[in-house]
Amino acid sequence: GYAYGNCTSYVHWKRAQMGRPIGQMWGNAGTWASRAAAQGFVVNKTPAPGAIIQDWGHVAVVEEILPNGDLRLSEMNASVSGGGYNIVSGRILSAGQIGQYMYIH
């Protein structure tokens, strides 16, 4: 499984709640895109509601694409959004930053 209270455990749980489960053993956040692709998930640079956004050390869920192109994310253990260990928080990612991340569908 995934370490309790961290971004990986939250995203694993959140996707299951959405009816879009993911693998049990994708490792830490930095390995998710490659492991997801190996299991047949679509991985690309295009966000969509419900997709997992991944960078080198963190994962979150895209909750919504706003009319201006920004993304509303939910996440856990993310100090950038005022969260922390075992705290679910959210933030807005500007449209200009979208291309810096991988998205797992």
PDB file of N, CA and C in Angstrom:
ATOM      1  N   GLY A   1       0.810  -1.192   0.000  1.00  0.00           N
ATOM      2  CA  GLY A   1       0.000   0.000   0.000  1.00  0.00           C
ATOM      3  C   GLY A   1       0.849   1.249   0.000  1.00  0.00           C
ATOM      4  N   TYR A   2       0.253   2.309   0.473  1.00  0.00           N
ATOM      5  CA  TYR A   2       0.898   3.619   0.482  1.00  0.00           C
ATOM      6  C   TYR A   2       0.976   4.144   1.905  1.00  0.00           C
ATOM      7  N   ALA A   3       1.971   4.976   2.163  1.00  0.00           N
ATOM      8  CA  ALA A   3       2.206   5.504   3.502  1.00  0.00           C
ATOM      9  C   ALA A   3       1.031   6.374   3.953  1.00  0.00           C
ATOM     10  N   TYR A   4       0.442   6.010   5.074  1.00  0.00           N
ATOM     11  CA  TYR A   4      -0.694   6.729   5.641  1.00  0.00           C
ATOM     12  C   TYR A   4      -0.334   8.203   5.841  1.00  0.00           C
ATOM     13  N   GLY A   5      -1.294   9.070   5.507  1.00  0.00           N
ATOM     14  CA  GLY A   5      -1.134  10.500   5.743  1.00  0.00           C
ATOM     15  C   GLY A   5      -0.383  11.250   4.663  1.00  0.00           C
ATOM     16  N   ASN A   6       0.040  10.539   3.627  1.00  0.00           N
ATOM     17  CA  ASN A   6       0.808  11.173   2.558  1.00  0.00           C
ATOM     18  C   ASN A   6      -0.025  11.320   1.290  1.00  0.00           C
ATOM     19  N   CYS A   7       0.530  12.051   0.336  1.00  0.00           N
ATOM     20  CA  CYS A   7      -0.191  12.325  -0.911  1.00  0.00           C
ATOM     21  C   CYS A   7      -0.580  11.045  -1.640  1.00  0.00           C
ATOM     22  N   THR A   8       0.291  10.052  -1.636  1.00  0.00           N
ATOM     23  CA  THR A   8       0.012   8.814  -2.357  1.00  0.00           C
ATOM     24  C   THR A   8      -1.183   8.068  -1.777  1.00  0.00           C
ATOM     25  N   SER A   9      -1.263   7.995  -0.459  1.00  0.00           N
ATOM     26  CA  SER A   9      -2.408   7.289   0.151  1.00  0.00           C
ATOM     27  C   SER A   9      -3.707   8.050  -0.114  1.00  0.00           C
ATOM     28  N   TYR A  10      -3.662   9.380  -0.093  1.00  0.00           N
ATOM     29  CA  TYR A  10      -4.858  10.163  -0.373  1.00  0.00           C
ATOM     30  C   TYR A  10      -5.332   9.953  -1.803  1.00  0.00           C
ATOM     31  N   VAL A  11      -4.423  10.055  -2.767  1.00  0.00           N
ATOM     32  CA  VAL A  11      -4.822   9.919  -4.167  1.00  0.00           C
ATOM     33  C   VAL A  11      -5.328   8.506  -4.448  1.00  0.00           C
ATOM     34  N   HIS A  12      -4.692   7.502  -3.867  1.00  0.00           N
ATOM     35  CA  HIS A  12      -5.172   6.123  -4.016  1.00  0.00           C
ATOM     36  C   HIS A  12      -6.605   6.018  -3.506  1.00  0.00           C
ATOM     37  N   TRP A  13      -6.874   6.543  -2.325  1.00  0.00           N
ATOM     38  CA  TRP A  13      -8.220   6.507  -1.734  1.00  0.00           C
ATOM     39  C   TRP A  13      -9.207   7.321  -2.571  1.00  0.00           C
ATOM     40  N   LYS A  14      -8.808   8.525  -2.970  1.00  0.00           N
ATOM     41  CA  LYS A  14      -9.696   9.421  -3.711  1.00  0.00           C
ATOM     42  C   LYS A  14     -10.108   8.798  -5.041  1.00  0.00           C
ATOM     43  N   ARG A  15      -9.175   8.225  -5.762  1.00  0.00           N
ATOM     44  CA  ARG A  15      -9.523   7.598  -7.044  1.00  0.00           C
ATOM     45  C   ARG A  15     -10.462   6.405  -6.832  1.00  0.00           C
ATOM     46  N   ALA A  16     -10.274   5.649  -5.781  1.00  0.00           N
ATOM     47  CA  ALA A  16     -11.197   4.537  -5.491  1.00  0.00           C
ATOM     48  C   ALA A  16     -12.591   5.070  -5.225  1.00  0.00           C
ATOM     49  N   GLN A  17     -12.693   6.176  -4.490  1.00  0.00           N
ATOM     50  CA  GLN A  17     -13.990   6.799  -4.206  1.00  0.00           C
ATOM     51  C   GLN A  17     -14.662   7.293  -5.482  1.00  0.00           C
ATOM     52  N   MET A  18     -13.881   7.664  -6.462  1.00  0.00           N
ATOM     53  CA  MET A  18     -14.397   8.161  -7.742  1.00  0.00           C
ATOM     54  C   MET A  18     -14.775   7.009  -8.682  1.00  0.00           C
ATOM     55  N   GLY A  19     -14.507   5.781  -8.277  1.00  0.00           N
ATOM     56  CA  GLY A  19     -14.753   4.636  -9.149  1.00  0.00           C
ATOM     57  C   GLY A  19     -13.689   4.477 -10.222  1.00  0.00           C
ATOM     58  N   ARG A  20     -12.513   5.056  -9.973  1.00  0.00           N
ATOM     59  CA  ARG A  20     -11.400   5.009 -10.921  1.00  0.00           C
ATOM     60  C   ARG A  20     -10.140   4.527 -10.196  1.00  0.00           C
ATOM     61  N   PRO A  21     -10.162   3.281  -9.695  1.00  0.00           N
ATOM     62  CA  PRO A  21      -9.042   2.797  -8.878  1.00  0.00           C
ATOM     63  C   PRO A  21      -7.728   2.725  -9.656  1.00  0.00           C
ATOM     64  N   ILE A  22      -6.664   2.775  -8.885  1.00  0.00           N
ATOM     65  CA  ILE A  22      -5.314   2.688  -9.448  1.00  0.00           C
ATOM     66  C   ILE A  22      -4.584   1.527  -8.783  1.00  0.00           C
ATOM     67  N   GLY A  23      -3.343   1.288  -9.231  1.00  0.00           N
ATOM     68  CA  GLY A  23      -2.537   0.207  -8.688  1.00  0.00           C
ATOM     69  C   GLY A  23      -2.202   0.386  -7.219  1.00  0.00           C
ATOM     70  N   GLN A  24      -1.985  -0.737  -6.554  1.00  0.00           N
ATOM     71  CA  GLN A  24      -1.667  -0.737  -5.125  1.00  0.00           C
ATOM     72  C   GLN A  24      -0.199  -0.434  -4.832  1.00  0.00           C
ATOM     73  N   MET A  25       0.665  -0.688  -5.788  1.00  0.00           N
ATOM     74  CA  MET A  25       2.096  -0.624  -5.506  1.00  0.00           C
ATOM     75  C   MET A  25       2.843   0.229  -6.534  1.00  0.00           C
ATOM     76  N   TRP A  26       2.452   1.476  -6.697  1.00  0.00           N
ATOM     77  CA  TRP A  26       3.147   2.354  -7.628  1.00  0.00           C
ATOM     78  C   TRP A  26       4.341   3.050  -6.980  1.00  0.00           C
ATOM     79  N   GLY A  27       4.598   2.786  -5.720  1.00  0.00           N
ATOM     80  CA  GLY A  27       5.750   3.372  -5.038  1.00  0.00           C
ATOM     81  C   GLY A  27       5.497   4.801  -4.602  1.00  0.00           C
ATOM     82  N   ASN A  28       6.591   5.552  -4.449  1.00  0.00           N
ATOM     83  CA  ASN A  28       6.406   6.949  -4.054  1.00  0.00           C
ATOM     84  C   ASN A  28       6.012   7.774  -5.270  1.00  0.00           C
ATOM     85  N   ALA A  29       5.624   8.990  -5.045  1.00  0.00           N
ATOM     86  CA  ALA A  29       5.008   9.822  -6.091  1.00  0.00           C
ATOM     87  C   ALA A  29       5.864   9.953  -7.348  1.00  0.00           C
ATOM     88  N   GLY A  30       7.164   9.965  -7.212  1.00  0.00           N
ATOM     89  CA  GLY A  30       8.031  10.152  -8.361  1.00  0.00           C
ATOM     90  C   GLY A  30       8.005   9.018  -9.369  1.00  0.00           C
ATOM     91  N   THR A  31       7.494   7.850  -8.981  1.00  0.00           N
ATOM     92  CA  THR A  31       7.469   6.693  -9.886  1.00  0.00           C
ATOM     93  C   THR A  31       6.091   6.442 -10.493  1.00  0.00           C
ATOM     94  N   TRP A  32       5.105   7.234 -10.133  1.00  0.00           N
ATOM     95  CA  TRP A  32       3.728   6.929 -10.529  1.00  0.00           C
ATOM     96  C   TRP A  32       3.491   6.962 -12.032  1.00  0.00           C
ATOM     97  N   ALA A  33       3.983   7.939 -12.734  1.00  0.00           N
ATOM     98  CA  ALA A  33       3.696   8.029 -14.173  1.00  0.00           C
ATOM     99  C   ALA A  33       4.221   6.809 -14.915  1.00  0.00           C
ATOM    100  N   SER A  34       5.442   6.406 -14.634  1.00  0.00           N
ATOM    101  CA  SER A  34       6.008   5.253 -15.339  1.00  0.00           C
ATOM    102  C   SER A  34       5.295   3.960 -14.963  1.00  0.00           C
ATOM    103  N   ARG A  35       4.959   3.789 -13.710  1.00  0.00           N
ATOM    104  CA  ARG A  35       4.264   2.569 -13.292  1.00  0.00           C
ATOM    105  C   ARG A  35       2.827   2.538 -13.806  1.00  0.00           C
ATOM    106  N   ALA A  36       2.185   3.689 -13.851  1.00  0.00           N
ATOM    107  CA  ALA A  36       0.825   3.759 -14.403  1.00  0.00           C
ATOM    108  C   ALA A  36       0.834   3.396 -15.884  1.00  0.00           C
ATOM    109  N   ALA A  37       1.778   3.948 -16.621  1.00  0.00           N
ATOM    110  CA  ALA A  37       1.880   3.643 -18.051  1.00  0.00           C
ATOM    111  C   ALA A  37       2.133   2.152 -18.269  1.00  0.00           C
ATOM    112  N   ALA A  38       2.974   1.549 -17.430  1.00  0.00           N
ATOM    113  CA  ALA A  38       3.263   0.122 -17.546  1.00  0.00           C
ATOM    114  C   ALA A  38       2.023  -0.733 -17.300  1.00  0.00           C
ATOM    115  N   GLN A  39       1.059  -0.202 -16.535  1.00  0.00           N
ATOM    116  CA  GLN A  39      -0.181  -0.926 -16.268  1.00  0.00           C
ATOM    117  C   GLN A  39      -1.293  -0.545 -17.245  1.00  0.00           C
ATOM    118  N   GLY A  40      -0.972   0.221 -18.266  1.00  0.00           N
ATOM    119  CA  GLY A  40      -1.944   0.538 -19.309  1.00  0.00           C
ATOM    120  C   GLY A  40      -2.740   1.812 -19.109  1.00  0.00           C
ATOM    121  N   PHE A  41      -2.423   2.592 -18.088  1.00  0.00           N
ATOM    122  CA  PHE A  41      -3.091   3.876 -17.905  1.00  0.00           C
ATOM    123  C   PHE A  41      -2.555   4.877 -18.927  1.00  0.00           C
ATOM    124  N   VAL A  42      -3.399   5.781 -19.371  1.00  0.00           N
ATOM    125  CA  VAL A  42      -2.958   6.858 -20.248  1.00  0.00           C
ATOM    126  C   VAL A  42      -2.204   7.870 -19.394  1.00  0.00           C
ATOM    127  N   VAL A  43      -1.015   8.221 -19.828  1.00  0.00           N
ATOM    128  CA  VAL A  43      -0.189   9.214 -19.144  1.00  0.00           C
ATOM    129  C   VAL A  43       0.240  10.232 -20.195  1.00  0.00           C
ATOM    130  N   ASN A  44      -0.083  11.510 -19.939  1.00  0.00           N
ATOM    131  CA  ASN A  44       0.257  12.545 -20.909  1.00  0.00           C
ATOM    132  C   ASN A  44       0.373  13.899 -20.218  1.00  0.00           C
ATOM    133  N   LYS A  45       0.454  14.934 -21.001  1.00  0.00           N
ATOM    134  CA  LYS A  45       0.592  16.304 -20.479  1.00  0.00           C
ATOM    135  C   LYS A  45      -0.730  17.063 -20.534  1.00  0.00           C
ATOM    136  N   THR A  46      -1.851  16.339 -20.654  1.00  0.00           N
ATOM    137  CA  THR A  46      -3.164  16.963 -20.794  1.00  0.00           C
ATOM    138  C   THR A  46      -4.015  16.710 -19.553  1.00  0.00           C
ATOM    139  N   PRO A  47      -4.351  17.755 -18.793  1.00  0.00           N
ATOM    140  CA  PRO A  47      -5.163  17.549 -17.597  1.00  0.00           C
ATOM    141  C   PRO A  47      -6.620  17.252 -17.938  1.00  0.00           C
ATOM    142  N   ALA A  48      -7.289  16.601 -17.013  1.00  0.00           N
ATOM    143  CA  ALA A  48      -8.724  16.324 -17.116  1.00  0.00           C
ATOM    144  C   ALA A  48      -9.251  16.129 -15.707  1.00  0.00           C
ATOM    145  N   PRO A  49     -10.517  16.458 -15.467  1.00  0.00           N
ATOM    146  CA  PRO A  49     -11.091  16.204 -14.141  1.00  0.00           C
ATOM    147  C   PRO A  49     -10.960  14.724 -13.781  1.00  0.00           C
ATOM    148  N   GLY A  50     -10.503  14.477 -12.570  1.00  0.00           N
ATOM    149  CA  GLY A  50     -10.316  13.118 -12.088  1.00  0.00           C
ATOM    150  C   GLY A  50      -8.940  12.552 -12.352  1.00  0.00           C
ATOM    151  N   ALA A  51      -8.156  13.210 -13.206  1.00  0.00           N
ATOM    152  CA  ALA A  51      -6.800  12.738 -13.484  1.00  0.00           C
ATOM    153  C   ALA A  51      -5.905  12.996 -12.275  1.00  0.00           C
ATOM    154  N   ILE A  52      -4.852  12.223 -12.207  1.00  0.00           N
ATOM    155  CA  ILE A  52      -3.819  12.427 -11.191  1.00  0.00           C
ATOM    156  C   ILE A  52      -2.766  13.333 -11.804  1.00  0.00           C
ATOM    157  N   ILE A  53      -2.402  14.383 -11.098  1.00  0.00           N
ATOM    158  CA  ILE A  53      -1.311  15.248 -11.527  1.00  0.00           C
ATOM    159  C   ILE A  53      -0.073  14.805 -10.753  1.00  0.00           C
ATOM    160  N   GLN A  54       1.038  14.627 -11.474  1.00  0.00           N
ATOM    161  CA  GLN A  54       2.245  14.094 -10.856  1.00  0.00           C
ATOM    162  C   GLN A  54       3.457  14.923 -11.250  1.00  0.00           C
ATOM    163  N   ASP A  55       4.293  15.207 -10.266  1.00  0.00           N
ATOM    164  CA  ASP A  55       5.606  15.773 -10.551  1.00  0.00           C
ATOM    165  C   ASP A  55       6.635  14.848  -9.906  1.00  0.00           C
ATOM    166  N   TRP A  56       7.825  15.283  -9.760  1.00  0.00           N
ATOM    167  CA  TRP A  56       8.907  14.403  -9.289  1.00  0.00           C
ATOM    168  C   TRP A  56       8.674  13.860  -7.886  1.00  0.00           C
ATOM    169  N   GLY A  57       7.924  14.544  -7.036  1.00  0.00           N
ATOM    170  CA  GLY A  57       7.782  14.067  -5.665  1.00  0.00           C
ATOM    171  C   GLY A  57       6.414  14.251  -5.045  1.00  0.00           C
ATOM    172  N   HIS A  58       5.374  14.477  -5.864  1.00  0.00           N
ATOM    173  CA  HIS A  58       4.053  14.732  -5.299  1.00  0.00           C
ATOM    174  C   HIS A  58       2.978  14.329  -6.301  1.00  0.00           C
ATOM    175  N   VAL A  59       1.847  13.871  -5.777  1.00  0.00           N
ATOM    176  CA  VAL A  59       0.669  13.596  -6.596  1.00  0.00           C
ATOM    177  C   VAL A  59      -0.539  14.268  -5.963  1.00  0.00           C
ATOM    178  N   ALA A  60      -1.505  14.628  -6.806  1.00  0.00           N
ATOM    179  CA  ALA A  60      -2.752  15.239  -6.377  1.00  0.00           C
ATOM    180  C   ALA A  60      -3.817  14.846  -7.397  1.00  0.00           C
ATOM    181  N   VAL A  61      -5.053  15.233  -7.132  1.00  0.00           N
ATOM    182  CA  VAL A  61      -6.160  14.932  -8.036  1.00  0.00           C
ATOM    183  C   VAL A  61      -6.668  16.233  -8.641  1.00  0.00           C
ATOM    184  N   VAL A  62      -6.867  16.217  -9.959  1.00  0.00           N
ATOM    185  CA  VAL A  62      -7.478  17.352 -10.640  1.00  0.00           C
ATOM    186  C   VAL A  62      -8.977  17.272 -10.365  1.00  0.00           C
ATOM    187  N   GLU A  63      -9.494  18.210  -9.622  1.00  0.00           N
ATOM    188  CA  GLU A  63     -10.918  18.238  -9.288  1.00  0.00           C
ATOM    189  C   GLU A  63     -11.740  18.912 -10.383  1.00  0.00           C
ATOM    190  N   GLU A  64     -11.148  19.945 -10.979  1.00  0.00           N
ATOM    191  CA  GLU A  64     -11.917  20.749 -11.936  1.00  0.00           C
ATOM    192  C   GLU A  64     -10.963  21.571 -12.786  1.00  0.00           C
ATOM    193  N   ILE A  65     -11.345  21.756 -14.039  1.00  0.00           N
ATOM    194  CA  ILE A  65     -10.673  22.723 -14.899  1.00  0.00           C
ATOM    195  C   ILE A  65     -11.572  23.958 -14.922  1.00  0.00           C
ATOM    196  N   LEU A  66     -11.060  25.049 -14.443  1.00  0.00           N
ATOM    197  CA  LEU A  66     -11.829  26.282 -14.332  1.00  0.00           C
ATOM    198  C   LEU A  66     -11.972  26.951 -15.701  1.00  0.00           C
ATOM    199  N   PRO A  67     -12.957  27.827 -15.859  1.00  0.00           N
ATOM    200  CA  PRO A  67     -13.183  28.482 -17.161  1.00  0.00           C
ATOM    201  C   PRO A  67     -11.954  29.204 -17.725  1.00  0.00           C
ATOM    202  N   ASN A  68     -11.091  29.700 -16.866  1.00  0.00           N
ATOM    203  CA  ASN A  68      -9.893  30.402 -17.333  1.00  0.00           C
ATOM    204  C   ASN A  68      -8.726  29.454 -17.630  1.00  0.00           C
ATOM    205  N   GLY A  69      -8.942  28.137 -17.473  1.00  0.00           N
ATOM    206  CA  GLY A  69      -7.906  27.150 -17.749  1.00  0.00           C
ATOM    207  C   GLY A  69      -7.100  26.728 -16.540  1.00  0.00           C
ATOM    208  N   ASP A  70      -7.267  27.407 -15.410  1.00  0.00           N
ATOM    209  CA  ASP A  70      -6.602  26.991 -14.180  1.00  0.00           C
ATOM    210  C   ASP A  70      -7.170  25.648 -13.716  1.00  0.00           C
ATOM    211  N   LEU A  71      -6.406  24.934 -12.893  1.00  0.00           N
ATOM    212  CA  LEU A  71      -6.860  23.669 -12.333  1.00  0.00           C
ATOM    213  C   LEU A  71      -7.121  23.814 -10.848  1.00  0.00           C
ATOM    214  N   ARG A  72      -8.229  23.223 -10.382  1.00  0.00           N
ATOM    215  CA  ARG A  72      -8.487  23.126  -8.946  1.00  0.00           C
ATOM    216  C   ARG A  72      -8.073  21.725  -8.536  1.00  0.00           C
ATOM    217  N   LEU A  73      -7.138  21.629  -7.587  1.00  0.00           N
ATOM    218  CA  LEU A  73      -6.586  20.360  -7.137  1.00  0.00           C
ATOM    219  C   LEU A  73      -7.004  20.044  -5.715  1.00  0.00           C
ATOM    220  N   SER A  74      -7.055  18.750  -5.384  1.00  0.00           N
ATOM    221  CA  SER A  74      -7.134  18.321  -3.990  1.00  0.00           C
ATOM    222  C   SER A  74      -5.922  17.442  -3.736  1.00  0.00           C
ATOM    223  N   GLU A  75      -5.421  17.510  -2.507  1.00  0.00           N
ATOM    224  CA  GLU A  75      -4.182  16.812  -2.186  1.00  0.00           C
ATOM    225  C   GLU A  75      -4.038  16.627  -0.688  1.00  0.00           C
ATOM    226  N   MET A  76      -3.048  15.855  -0.310  1.00  0.00           N
ATOM    227  CA  MET A  76      -2.739  15.651   1.103  1.00  0.00           C
ATOM    228  C   MET A  76      -1.236  15.816   1.287  1.00  0.00           C
ATOM    229  N   ASN A  77      -0.881  16.290   2.473  1.00  0.00           N
ATOM    230  CA  ASN A  77       0.523  16.448   2.849  1.00  0.00           C
ATOM    231  C   ASN A  77       1.251  17.399   1.903  1.00  0.00           C
ATOM    232  N   ALA A  78       0.607  18.508   1.599  1.00  0.00           N
ATOM    233  CA  ALA A  78       1.187  19.497   0.686  1.00  0.00           C
ATOM    234  C   ALA A  78       1.307  20.839   1.389  1.00  0.00           C
ATOM    235  N   SER A  79       2.512  21.197   1.743  1.00  0.00           N
ATOM    236  CA  SER A  79       2.702  22.470   2.444  1.00  0.00           C
ATOM    237  C   SER A  79       2.378  23.664   1.557  1.00  0.00           C
ATOM    238  N   VAL A  80       2.465  23.516   0.228  1.00  0.00           N
ATOM    239  CA  VAL A  80       2.189  24.640  -0.666  1.00  0.00           C
ATOM    240  C   VAL A  80       0.734  25.080  -0.617  1.00  0.00           C
ATOM    241  N   SER A  81      -0.157  24.182  -0.185  1.00  0.00           N
ATOM    242  CA  SER A  81      -1.580  24.538  -0.137  1.00  0.00           C
ATOM    243  C   SER A  81      -2.094  24.645   1.295  1.00  0.00           C
ATOM    244  N   GLY A  82      -1.195  24.757   2.240  1.00  0.00           N
ATOM    245  CA  GLY A  82      -1.607  24.912   3.625  1.00  0.00           C
ATOM    246  C   GLY A  82      -1.901  23.601   4.318  1.00  0.00           C
ATOM    247  N   GLY A  83      -1.648  22.503   3.663  1.00  0.00           N
ATOM    248  CA  GLY A  83      -1.871  21.197   4.261  1.00  0.00           C
ATOM    249  C   GLY A  83      -0.630  20.711   4.968  1.00  0.00           C
ATOM    250  N   GLY A  84      -0.665  19.473   5.324  1.00  0.00           N
ATOM    251  CA  GLY A  84       0.455  18.841   5.993  1.00  0.00           C
ATOM    252  C   GLY A  84       0.133  17.371   6.151  1.00  0.00           C
ATOM    253  N   TYR A  85       0.888  16.698   6.980  1.00  0.00           N
ATOM    254  CA  TYR A  85       0.699  15.270   7.187  1.00  0.00           C
ATOM    255  C   TYR A  85      -0.751  14.962   7.547  1.00  0.00           C
ATOM    256  N   ASN A  86      -1.366  14.095   6.758  1.00  0.00           N
ATOM    257  CA  ASN A  86      -2.735  13.627   6.966  1.00  0.00           C
ATOM    258  C   ASN A  86      -3.781  14.748   6.914  1.00  0.00           C
ATOM    259  N   ILE A  87      -3.481  15.828   6.230  1.00  0.00           N
ATOM    260  CA  ILE A  87      -4.425  16.931   6.068  1.00  0.00           C
ATOM    261  C   ILE A  87      -4.742  17.087   4.580  1.00  0.00           C
ATOM    262  N   VAL A  88      -6.026  16.984   4.248  1.00  0.00           N
ATOM    263  CA  VAL A  88      -6.459  17.198   2.868  1.00  0.00           C
ATOM    264  C   VAL A  88      -6.619  18.700   2.657  1.00  0.00           C
ATOM    265  N   SER A  89      -6.061  19.183   1.582  1.00  0.00           N
ATOM    266  CA  SER A  89      -6.156  20.600   1.248  1.00  0.00           C
ATOM    267  C   SER A  89      -6.357  20.724  -0.251  1.00  0.00           C
ATOM    268  N   GLY A  90      -6.473  21.941  -0.705  1.00  0.00           N
ATOM    269  CA  GLY A  90      -6.661  22.183  -2.123  1.00  0.00           C
ATOM    270  C   GLY A  90      -5.963  23.453  -2.531  1.00  0.00           C
ATOM    271  N   ARG A  91      -5.783  23.582  -3.827  1.00  0.00           N
ATOM    272  CA  ARG A  91      -5.164  24.796  -4.358  1.00  0.00           C
ATOM    273  C   ARG A  91      -5.533  24.943  -5.818  1.00  0.00           C
ATOM    274  N   ILE A  92      -5.227  26.098  -6.335  1.00  0.00           N
ATOM    275  CA  ILE A  92      -5.428  26.399  -7.747  1.00  0.00           C
ATOM    276  C   ILE A  92      -4.051  26.417  -8.411  1.00  0.00           C
ATOM    277  N   LEU A  93      -3.927  25.674  -9.491  1.00  0.00           N
ATOM    278  CA  LEU A  93      -2.716  25.675 -10.294  1.00  0.00           C
ATOM    279  C   LEU A  93      -3.001  26.496 -11.542  1.00  0.00           C
ATOM    280  N   SER A  94      -2.194  27.503 -11.791  1.00  0.00           N
ATOM    281  CA  SER A  94      -2.465  28.394 -12.921  1.00  0.00           C
ATOM    282  C   SER A  94      -2.284  27.677 -14.254  1.00  0.00           C
ATOM    283  N   ALA A  95      -3.056  28.109 -15.228  1.00  0.00           N
ATOM    284  CA  ALA A  95      -3.020  27.518 -16.563  1.00  0.00           C
ATOM    285  C   ALA A  95      -1.605  27.544 -17.143  1.00  0.00           C
ATOM    286  N   GLY A  96      -0.845  28.547 -16.800  1.00  0.00           N
ATOM    287  CA  GLY A  96       0.515  28.657 -17.311  1.00  0.00           C
ATOM    288  C   GLY A  96       1.467  27.595 -16.790  1.00  0.00           C
ATOM    289  N   GLN A  97       1.090  26.906 -15.732  1.00  0.00           N
ATOM    290  CA  GLN A  97       1.948  25.879 -15.144  1.00  0.00           C
ATOM    291  C   GLN A  97       1.552  24.458 -15.548  1.00  0.00           C
ATOM    292  N   ILE A  98       0.434  24.310 -16.215  1.00  0.00           N
ATOM    293  CA  ILE A  98      -0.123  22.984 -16.511  1.00  0.00           C
ATOM    294  C   ILE A  98       0.866  22.085 -17.249  1.00  0.00           C
ATOM    295  N   GLY A  99       1.580  22.616 -18.209  1.00  0.00           N
ATOM    296  CA  GLY A  99       2.483  21.818 -19.023  1.00  0.00           C
ATOM    297  C   GLY A  99       3.706  21.292 -18.307  1.00  0.00           C
ATOM    298  N   GLN A 100       3.924  21.695 -17.069  1.00  0.00           N
ATOM    299  CA  GLN A 100       5.083  21.246 -16.304  1.00  0.00           C
ATOM    300  C   GLN A 100       4.862  19.884 -15.650  1.00  0.00           C
ATOM    301  N   TYR A 101       3.665  19.342 -15.758  1.00  0.00           N
ATOM    302  CA  TYR A 101       3.299  18.138 -15.021  1.00  0.00           C
ATOM    303  C   TYR A 101       2.837  17.020 -15.937  1.00  0.00           C
ATOM    304  N   MET A 102       2.878  15.788 -15.410  1.00  0.00           N
ATOM    305  CA  MET A 102       2.311  14.632 -16.084  1.00  0.00           C
ATOM    306  C   MET A 102       0.924  14.387 -15.488  1.00  0.00           C
ATOM    307  N   TYR A 103       0.021  13.820 -16.291  1.00  0.00           N
ATOM    308  CA  TYR A 103      -1.341  13.515 -15.850  1.00  0.00           C
ATOM    309  C   TYR A 103      -1.625  12.047 -16.130  1.00  0.00           C
ATOM    310  N   ILE A 104      -2.108  11.364 -15.127  1.00  0.00           N
ATOM    311  CA  ILE A 104      -2.438   9.940 -15.217  1.00  0.00           C
ATOM    312  C   ILE A 104      -3.954   9.854 -15.264  1.00  0.00           C
ATOM    313  N   HIS A 105      -4.478   9.223 -16.314  1.00  0.00           N
ATOM    314  CA  HIS A 105      -5.924   9.171 -16.532  1.00  0.00           C
ATOM    315  C   HIS A 105      -6.510   7.806 -16.207  1.00  0.00           C
TER     316      HIS A 105
END
